[in-house]
Amino acid sequence: MLELQNVGFRADDGKEILKDISIKIDDKFVAVTGPNGSGKSTLLKVIMGSSSLSGSRASA
């Protein structure tokens, strides 16, 4: 299981990429879709731990 609560992420230039994202995934395949620049890759980097979270909680 993966759970994110109130995930936020700001780029080095201060631009807010993710704001108040909450998700809970239990043993399922999940697709992340959206337009270019909407934060899909950033969200996956946060989930993998290669980007820092701000004001949030993540558990796996």
N, C-alpha and C. Protein backbone atom coordinates (compact mmCIF):
# COMPACT_ATOMS: atom_id res chain seq x y z
N MET A 1 0.84 -1.17 0.00
CA MET A 1 0.00 0.00 0.00
C MET A 1 0.89 1.24 0.00
N LEU A 2 0.42 2.24 -0.69
CA LEU A 2 1.09 3.54 -0.73
C LEU A 2 0.09 4.60 -0.34
N GLU A 3 0.49 5.50 0.55
CA GLU A 3 -0.40 6.58 0.95
C GLU A 3 0.37 7.89 1.02
N LEU A 4 -0.17 8.90 0.38
CA LEU A 4 0.37 10.26 0.44
C LEU A 4 -0.72 11.15 1.01
N GLN A 5 -0.34 12.04 1.91
CA GLN A 5 -1.30 12.98 2.48
C GLN A 5 -0.76 14.39 2.38
N ASN A 6 -1.52 15.24 1.72
CA ASN A 6 -1.19 16.67 1.60
C ASN A 6 0.21 16.92 1.05
N VAL A 7 0.56 16.19 -0.01
CA VAL A 7 1.88 16.33 -0.62
C VAL A 7 1.98 17.67 -1.33
N GLY A 8 3.10 18.33 -1.10
CA GLY A 8 3.38 19.58 -1.78
C GLY A 8 4.83 19.59 -2.25
N PHE A 9 5.08 20.26 -3.35
CA PHE A 9 6.44 20.34 -3.87
C PHE A 9 6.63 21.68 -4.58
N ARG A 10 7.73 22.35 -4.29
CA ARG A 10 8.10 23.60 -4.96
C ARG A 10 9.43 23.40 -5.68
N ALA A 11 9.51 23.92 -6.88
CA ALA A 11 10.76 23.87 -7.64
C ALA A 11 11.76 24.83 -7.01
N ASP A 12 13.02 24.73 -7.42
CA ASP A 12 14.07 25.59 -6.87
C ASP A 12 13.77 27.07 -7.07
N ASP A 13 13.03 27.40 -8.13
CA ASP A 13 12.70 28.80 -8.39
C ASP A 13 11.47 29.27 -7.61
N GLY A 14 10.92 28.39 -6.75
CA GLY A 14 9.77 28.74 -5.93
C GLY A 14 8.42 28.42 -6.54
N LYS A 15 8.40 27.96 -7.79
CA LYS A 15 7.14 27.62 -8.45
C LYS A 15 6.52 26.39 -7.80
N GLU A 16 5.24 26.49 -7.43
CA GLU A 16 4.54 25.37 -6.80
C GLU A 16 4.13 24.37 -7.87
N ILE A 17 4.68 23.15 -7.76
CA ILE A 17 4.42 22.10 -8.75
C ILE A 17 3.28 21.20 -8.28
N LEU A 18 3.33 20.78 -7.02
CA LEU A 18 2.28 19.94 -6.42
C LEU A 18 1.72 20.68 -5.21
N LYS A 19 0.41 20.61 -5.03
CA LYS A 19 -0.23 21.28 -3.90
C LYS A 19 -1.34 20.39 -3.34
N ASP A 20 -1.22 20.04 -2.06
CA ASP A 20 -2.24 19.28 -1.34
C ASP A 20 -2.71 18.03 -2.07
N ILE A 21 -1.77 17.20 -2.53
CA ILE A 21 -2.10 15.95 -3.21
C ILE A 21 -2.21 14.84 -2.16
N SER A 22 -3.34 14.16 -2.14
CA SER A 22 -3.54 13.01 -1.25
C SER A 22 -4.01 11.83 -2.10
N ILE A 23 -3.41 10.66 -1.84
CA ILE A 23 -3.76 9.46 -2.61
C ILE A 23 -3.47 8.23 -1.76
N LYS A 24 -4.27 7.21 -1.92
CA LYS A 24 -4.05 5.92 -1.26
C LYS A 24 -4.22 4.83 -2.32
N ILE A 25 -3.20 4.00 -2.47
CA ILE A 25 -3.20 2.95 -3.49
C ILE A 25 -2.98 1.60 -2.80
N ASP A 26 -3.90 0.67 -3.03
CA ASP A 26 -3.82 -0.68 -2.48
C ASP A 26 -3.72 -1.71 -3.60
N ASP A 27 -2.53 -2.29 -3.80
CA ASP A 27 -2.35 -3.43 -4.71
C ASP A 27 -3.07 -3.31 -6.04
N LYS A 28 -2.95 -2.18 -6.69
CA LYS A 28 -3.60 -1.98 -7.99
C LYS A 28 -2.62 -1.30 -8.94
N PHE A 29 -2.90 -1.44 -10.23
CA PHE A 29 -2.16 -0.69 -11.23
C PHE A 29 -2.80 0.68 -11.32
N VAL A 30 -1.98 1.70 -11.40
CA VAL A 30 -2.48 3.08 -11.44
C VAL A 30 -1.81 3.81 -12.59
N ALA A 31 -2.57 4.58 -13.32
CA ALA A 31 -2.03 5.43 -14.38
C ALA A 31 -2.11 6.88 -13.91
N VAL A 32 -1.04 7.60 -14.14
CA VAL A 32 -1.02 9.03 -13.83
C VAL A 32 -1.05 9.75 -15.17
N THR A 33 -2.11 10.50 -15.41
CA THR A 33 -2.26 11.19 -16.70
C THR A 33 -2.47 12.68 -16.47
N GLY A 34 -2.20 13.45 -17.49
CA GLY A 34 -2.41 14.89 -17.43
C GLY A 34 -1.60 15.57 -18.51
N PRO A 35 -1.83 16.87 -18.68
CA PRO A 35 -1.10 17.61 -19.72
C PRO A 35 0.37 17.81 -19.37
N ASN A 36 1.15 18.18 -20.37
CA ASN A 36 2.57 18.49 -20.14
C ASN A 36 2.71 19.55 -19.06
N GLY A 37 3.67 19.33 -18.16
CA GLY A 37 3.96 20.32 -17.13
C GLY A 37 3.01 20.31 -15.94
N SER A 38 2.18 19.27 -15.82
CA SER A 38 1.21 19.25 -14.73
C SER A 38 1.73 18.59 -13.45
N GLY A 39 2.95 18.04 -13.46
CA GLY A 39 3.55 17.48 -12.26
C GLY A 39 3.55 15.97 -12.16
N LYS A 40 3.25 15.27 -13.26
CA LYS A 40 3.21 13.80 -13.23
C LYS A 40 4.57 13.22 -12.85
N SER A 41 5.61 13.63 -13.51
CA SER A 41 6.96 13.11 -13.22
C SER A 41 7.40 13.52 -11.83
N THR A 42 7.08 14.73 -11.42
CA THR A 42 7.43 15.20 -10.08
C THR A 42 6.75 14.34 -9.03
N LEU A 43 5.47 14.03 -9.22
CA LEU A 43 4.75 13.17 -8.29
C LEU A 43 5.43 11.81 -8.18
N LEU A 44 5.82 11.22 -9.30
CA LEU A 44 6.49 9.92 -9.28
C LEU A 44 7.85 10.00 -8.60
N LYS A 45 8.58 11.09 -8.79
CA LYS A 45 9.87 11.27 -8.11
C LYS A 45 9.68 11.40 -6.61
N VAL A 46 8.62 12.09 -6.19
CA VAL A 46 8.32 12.20 -4.77
C VAL A 46 8.01 10.82 -4.19
N ILE A 47 7.20 10.04 -4.91
CA ILE A 47 6.84 8.70 -4.45
C ILE A 47 8.10 7.83 -4.31
N MET A 48 9.02 7.97 -5.25
CA MET A 48 10.25 7.17 -5.22
C MET A 48 11.27 7.70 -4.23
N GLY A 49 11.03 8.90 -3.68
CA GLY A 49 11.93 9.46 -2.68
C GLY A 49 13.08 10.26 -3.23
N SER A 50 13.10 10.55 -4.52
CA SER A 50 14.21 11.31 -5.09
C SER A 50 13.96 12.81 -5.09
N SER A 51 12.78 13.24 -4.63
CA SER A 51 12.48 14.66 -4.47
C SER A 51 11.91 14.87 -3.07
N SER A 52 12.23 16.00 -2.46
CA SER A 52 11.79 16.29 -1.10
C SER A 52 10.34 16.72 -1.06
N LEU A 53 9.66 16.36 0.02
CA LEU A 53 8.27 16.75 0.24
C LEU A 53 8.23 18.02 1.07
N SER A 54 7.13 18.76 0.93
CA SER A 54 6.93 19.92 1.80
C SER A 54 5.55 19.82 2.45
N GLY A 55 5.51 19.89 3.77
CA GLY A 55 4.26 19.88 4.51
C GLY A 55 3.39 18.68 4.24
N SER A 56 3.98 17.49 4.25
CA SER A 56 3.21 16.31 3.85
C SER A 56 3.69 15.07 4.59
N ARG A 57 2.99 13.97 4.32
CA ARG A 57 3.34 12.69 4.91
C ARG A 57 3.21 11.62 3.84
N ALA A 58 4.20 10.75 3.77
CA ALA A 58 4.16 9.63 2.83
C ALA A 58 4.46 8.35 3.57
N SER A 59 3.77 7.28 3.22
CA SER A 59 4.07 5.97 3.81
C SER A 59 3.85 4.89 2.77
N ALA A 60 4.64 3.82 2.91
CA ALA A 60 4.51 2.71 1.98
C ALA A 60 4.40 1.42 2.76
